[in-house]
Amino acid sequence: MSVLTALSAVSDPVRIKLIRELAGSADWTRSCGSFDVPVGKAALSHHFSVLRGAGLGEQRDEGPRRVNRLRREEFDGRFPGLLALLLRDDGA
């Protein structure tokens, strides 16, 4: 993945919210429908697809639920410091 793909993925406020919520949750504990974002199911699916394409997210099926995790270590290895900047809660 390129830095442009990563930057494009994190340029949307909904995706930033998803990243932050995933960062505050244990791996594989958040189903797609558990996020408080102002978009419908189709748009939410698209946002998760963009995060997966950028290497930020991973999904797996657990019975009838699709659960998510933030690929923190992998993303930090590729783009050191970028995720930390995204997770800062200082209005930046």
N, C-alpha and C. Protein backbone atom coordinates (compact mmCIF):
# COMPACT_ATOMS: atom_id res chain seq x y z
N MET A 1 0.83 -1.17 0.00
CA MET A 1 0.00 0.00 0.00
C MET A 1 0.88 1.24 0.00
N SER A 2 0.40 2.27 -0.60
CA SER A 2 1.17 3.51 -0.71
C SER A 2 0.75 4.49 0.38
N VAL A 3 1.59 5.47 0.61
CA VAL A 3 1.25 6.51 1.57
C VAL A 3 0.01 7.29 1.11
N LEU A 4 -0.17 7.44 -0.19
CA LEU A 4 -1.36 8.14 -0.69
C LEU A 4 -2.63 7.35 -0.38
N THR A 5 -2.57 6.03 -0.48
CA THR A 5 -3.72 5.19 -0.12
C THR A 5 -4.05 5.36 1.36
N ALA A 6 -3.02 5.34 2.18
CA ALA A 6 -3.22 5.49 3.62
C ALA A 6 -3.81 6.86 3.95
N LEU A 7 -3.25 7.91 3.36
CA LEU A 7 -3.75 9.26 3.64
C LEU A 7 -5.17 9.44 3.14
N SER A 8 -5.48 8.87 2.00
CA SER A 8 -6.84 8.95 1.48
C SER A 8 -7.81 8.23 2.42
N ALA A 9 -7.40 7.09 2.95
CA ALA A 9 -8.26 6.32 3.85
C ALA A 9 -8.57 7.08 5.13
N VAL A 10 -7.62 7.85 5.61
CA VAL A 10 -7.83 8.55 6.89
C VAL A 10 -8.33 9.98 6.71
N SER A 11 -8.68 10.34 5.49
CA SER A 11 -9.11 11.71 5.24
C SER A 11 -10.60 11.93 5.49
N ASP A 12 -11.33 10.90 5.80
CA ASP A 12 -12.77 11.01 5.99
C ASP A 12 -13.11 10.99 7.49
N PRO A 13 -13.95 11.90 7.97
CA PRO A 13 -14.30 11.95 9.40
C PRO A 13 -14.97 10.67 9.91
N VAL A 14 -15.76 10.01 9.09
CA VAL A 14 -16.40 8.76 9.52
C VAL A 14 -15.33 7.69 9.75
N ARG A 15 -14.36 7.61 8.85
CA ARG A 15 -13.31 6.61 9.01
C ARG A 15 -12.42 6.92 10.21
N ILE A 16 -12.17 8.19 10.47
CA ILE A 16 -11.41 8.56 11.67
C ILE A 16 -12.16 8.08 12.91
N LYS A 17 -13.47 8.29 12.93
CA LYS A 17 -14.28 7.84 14.07
C LYS A 17 -14.21 6.32 14.22
N LEU A 18 -14.29 5.59 13.11
CA LEU A 18 -14.18 4.13 13.16
C LEU A 18 -12.83 3.72 13.71
N ILE A 19 -11.77 4.35 13.24
CA ILE A 19 -10.41 4.03 13.70
C ILE A 19 -10.29 4.28 15.20
N ARG A 20 -10.78 5.41 15.65
CA ARG A 20 -10.69 5.74 17.07
C ARG A 20 -11.50 4.78 17.93
N GLU A 21 -12.68 4.42 17.47
CA GLU A 21 -13.49 3.47 18.24
C GLU A 21 -12.83 2.09 18.27
N LEU A 22 -12.26 1.67 17.14
CA LEU A 22 -11.55 0.39 17.12
C LEU A 22 -10.34 0.41 18.04
N ALA A 23 -9.64 1.54 18.07
CA ALA A 23 -8.45 1.65 18.90
C ALA A 23 -8.79 1.53 20.39
N GLY A 24 -9.99 1.92 20.76
CA GLY A 24 -10.42 1.85 22.15
C GLY A 24 -11.10 0.55 22.52
N SER A 25 -11.12 -0.40 21.60
CA SER A 25 -11.80 -1.68 21.84
C SER A 25 -10.82 -2.83 21.68
N ALA A 26 -11.10 -3.90 22.37
CA ALA A 26 -10.29 -5.11 22.21
C ALA A 26 -10.51 -5.68 20.81
N ASP A 27 -9.47 -6.34 20.29
CA ASP A 27 -9.58 -6.96 18.97
C ASP A 27 -10.76 -7.92 18.90
N TRP A 28 -11.44 -7.87 17.78
CA TRP A 28 -12.53 -8.79 17.43
C TRP A 28 -13.73 -8.69 18.35
N THR A 29 -13.94 -7.54 18.99
CA THR A 29 -15.10 -7.39 19.87
C THR A 29 -16.17 -6.48 19.29
N ARG A 30 -15.87 -5.76 18.21
CA ARG A 30 -16.81 -4.79 17.65
C ARG A 30 -17.41 -5.30 16.35
N SER A 31 -18.72 -5.49 16.37
CA SER A 31 -19.41 -5.85 15.13
C SER A 31 -19.63 -4.58 14.32
N CYS A 32 -19.87 -4.74 13.05
CA CYS A 32 -20.04 -3.58 12.17
C CYS A 32 -21.18 -2.68 12.62
N GLY A 33 -22.24 -3.25 13.13
CA GLY A 33 -23.40 -2.46 13.53
C GLY A 33 -23.25 -1.77 14.88
N SER A 34 -22.13 -1.97 15.56
CA SER A 34 -21.97 -1.41 16.91
C SER A 34 -21.35 -0.02 16.92
N PHE A 35 -21.04 0.51 15.75
CA PHE A 35 -20.40 1.82 15.68
C PHE A 35 -21.45 2.92 15.55
N ASP A 36 -21.25 4.00 16.26
CA ASP A 36 -22.17 5.12 16.25
C ASP A 36 -21.70 6.13 15.21
N VAL A 37 -22.06 5.87 13.96
CA VAL A 37 -21.67 6.77 12.86
C VAL A 37 -22.92 7.14 12.06
N PRO A 38 -22.93 8.33 11.48
CA PRO A 38 -24.13 8.83 10.81
C PRO A 38 -24.25 8.41 9.35
N VAL A 39 -24.07 7.11 9.09
CA VAL A 39 -24.18 6.62 7.72
C VAL A 39 -24.99 5.33 7.72
N GLY A 40 -25.53 4.98 6.57
CA GLY A 40 -26.28 3.75 6.42
C GLY A 40 -25.37 2.54 6.27
N LYS A 41 -25.99 1.37 6.16
CA LYS A 41 -25.22 0.12 6.08
C LYS A 41 -24.31 0.07 4.86
N ALA A 42 -24.80 0.50 3.71
CA ALA A 42 -23.99 0.45 2.49
C ALA A 42 -22.78 1.36 2.60
N ALA A 43 -22.98 2.56 3.12
CA ALA A 43 -21.85 3.49 3.28
C ALA A 43 -20.87 2.97 4.33
N LEU A 44 -21.39 2.39 5.40
CA LEU A 44 -20.52 1.84 6.43
C LEU A 44 -19.67 0.71 5.86
N SER A 45 -20.28 -0.14 5.05
CA SER A 45 -19.54 -1.21 4.39
C SER A 45 -18.42 -0.65 3.51
N HIS A 46 -18.72 0.42 2.80
CA HIS A 46 -17.70 1.07 1.97
C HIS A 46 -16.55 1.61 2.82
N HIS A 47 -16.86 2.24 3.94
CA HIS A 47 -15.82 2.79 4.80
C HIS A 47 -14.92 1.68 5.34
N PHE A 48 -15.52 0.56 5.75
CA PHE A 48 -14.71 -0.56 6.22
C PHE A 48 -13.84 -1.12 5.09
N SER A 49 -14.37 -1.16 3.89
CA SER A 49 -13.60 -1.62 2.73
C SER A 49 -12.39 -0.73 2.49
N VAL A 50 -12.57 0.57 2.59
CA VAL A 50 -11.45 1.51 2.41
C VAL A 50 -10.40 1.29 3.50
N LEU A 51 -10.83 1.10 4.74
CA LEU A 51 -9.88 0.85 5.83
C LEU A 51 -9.11 -0.45 5.62
N ARG A 52 -9.80 -1.47 5.15
CA ARG A 52 -9.11 -2.74 4.86
C ARG A 52 -8.10 -2.55 3.75
N GLY A 53 -8.49 -1.83 2.71
CA GLY A 53 -7.60 -1.60 1.57
C GLY A 53 -6.35 -0.82 1.93
N ALA A 54 -6.46 0.01 2.96
CA ALA A 54 -5.31 0.79 3.41
C ALA A 54 -4.48 0.04 4.46
N GLY A 55 -4.92 -1.15 4.83
CA GLY A 55 -4.18 -1.92 5.82
C GLY A 55 -4.48 -1.53 7.25
N LEU A 56 -5.52 -0.74 7.47
CA LEU A 56 -5.86 -0.29 8.82
C LEU A 56 -6.82 -1.22 9.54
N GLY A 57 -7.64 -1.90 8.79
CA GLY A 57 -8.66 -2.74 9.42
C GLY A 57 -8.65 -4.15 8.90
N GLU A 58 -9.21 -5.02 9.70
CA GLU A 58 -9.37 -6.42 9.32
C GLU A 58 -10.73 -6.87 9.84
N GLN A 59 -11.40 -7.71 9.08
CA GLN A 59 -12.71 -8.23 9.48
C GLN A 59 -12.72 -9.74 9.38
N ARG A 60 -13.56 -10.35 10.20
CA ARG A 60 -13.81 -11.78 10.09
C ARG A 60 -15.24 -12.06 10.54
N ASP A 61 -15.77 -13.14 10.02
CA ASP A 61 -17.13 -13.53 10.37
C ASP A 61 -17.09 -14.44 11.59
N GLU A 62 -17.97 -14.14 12.53
CA GLU A 62 -18.18 -14.98 13.71
C GLU A 62 -19.67 -15.26 13.80
N GLY A 63 -20.06 -16.39 13.26
CA GLY A 63 -21.48 -16.70 13.18
C GLY A 63 -22.17 -15.68 12.30
N PRO A 64 -23.26 -15.08 12.78
CA PRO A 64 -23.98 -14.10 11.97
C PRO A 64 -23.37 -12.69 12.01
N ARG A 65 -22.33 -12.51 12.82
CA ARG A 65 -21.73 -11.17 12.97
C ARG A 65 -20.42 -11.06 12.21
N ARG A 66 -20.13 -9.88 11.73
CA ARG A 66 -18.82 -9.57 11.16
C ARG A 66 -18.13 -8.66 12.16
N VAL A 67 -16.99 -9.12 12.67
CA VAL A 67 -16.29 -8.37 13.70
C VAL A 67 -14.99 -7.79 13.13
N ASN A 68 -14.47 -6.79 13.83
CA ASN A 68 -13.37 -5.98 13.30
C ASN A 68 -12.23 -5.87 14.29
N ARG A 69 -11.07 -5.56 13.73
CA ARG A 69 -9.94 -5.20 14.57
C ARG A 69 -9.11 -4.16 13.83
N LEU A 70 -8.43 -3.33 14.60
CA LEU A 70 -7.51 -2.35 14.06
C LEU A 70 -6.15 -3.03 13.90
N ARG A 71 -5.58 -2.94 12.71
CA ARG A 71 -4.27 -3.56 12.45
C ARG A 71 -3.16 -2.59 12.85
N ARG A 72 -3.12 -2.28 14.13
CA ARG A 72 -2.24 -1.25 14.68
C ARG A 72 -0.76 -1.55 14.42
N GLU A 73 -0.30 -2.74 14.78
CA GLU A 73 1.12 -3.06 14.64
C GLU A 73 1.55 -3.05 13.18
N GLU A 74 0.74 -3.63 12.32
CA GLU A 74 1.08 -3.70 10.91
C GLU A 74 1.13 -2.31 10.28
N PHE A 75 0.15 -1.48 10.62
CA PHE A 75 0.09 -0.13 10.06
C PHE A 75 1.23 0.72 10.60
N ASP A 76 1.51 0.60 11.90
CA ASP A 76 2.63 1.35 12.48
C ASP A 76 3.96 0.94 11.87
N GLY A 77 4.09 -0.33 11.53
CA GLY A 77 5.32 -0.78 10.89
C GLY A 77 5.52 -0.14 9.53
N ARG A 78 4.44 0.07 8.82
CA ARG A 78 4.51 0.65 7.47
C ARG A 78 4.58 2.18 7.50
N PHE A 79 3.82 2.79 8.42
CA PHE A 79 3.75 4.25 8.52
C PHE A 79 3.94 4.67 9.98
N PRO A 80 5.15 4.63 10.48
CA PRO A 80 5.39 4.93 11.90
C PRO A 80 4.88 6.32 12.28
N GLY A 81 4.12 6.35 13.36
CA GLY A 81 3.64 7.62 13.91
C GLY A 81 2.32 8.12 13.35
N LEU A 82 1.91 7.66 12.18
CA LEU A 82 0.69 8.17 11.58
C LEU A 82 -0.54 7.81 12.41
N LEU A 83 -0.63 6.59 12.86
CA LEU A 83 -1.79 6.18 13.65
C LEU A 83 -1.83 6.94 14.97
N ALA A 84 -0.69 7.15 15.60
CA ALA A 84 -0.66 7.91 16.85
C ALA A 84 -1.21 9.32 16.65
N LEU A 85 -0.88 9.94 15.52
CA LEU A 85 -1.42 11.27 15.22
C LEU A 85 -2.93 11.22 15.06
N LEU A 86 -3.44 10.18 14.42
CA LEU A 86 -4.88 10.06 14.21
C LEU A 86 -5.64 9.84 15.50
N LEU A 87 -4.99 9.20 16.46
CA LEU A 87 -5.66 8.85 17.70
C LEU A 87 -5.59 9.96 18.74
N ARG A 88 -4.80 10.98 18.47
CA ARG A 88 -4.70 12.11 19.41
C ARG A 88 -6.06 12.79 19.52
N ASP A 89 -6.40 13.16 20.72
CA ASP A 89 -7.69 13.81 20.97
C ASP A 89 -7.46 15.25 21.41
N ASP A 90 -6.68 15.98 20.62
CA ASP A 90 -6.38 17.36 20.98
C ASP A 90 -6.91 18.35 19.95
N GLY A 91 -7.83 17.87 19.11
CA GLY A 91 -8.41 18.74 18.10
C GLY A 91 -7.56 18.90 16.87
N ALA A 92 -6.43 18.20 16.81
CA ALA A 92 -5.52 18.31 15.67
C ALA A 92 -6.05 17.57 14.48
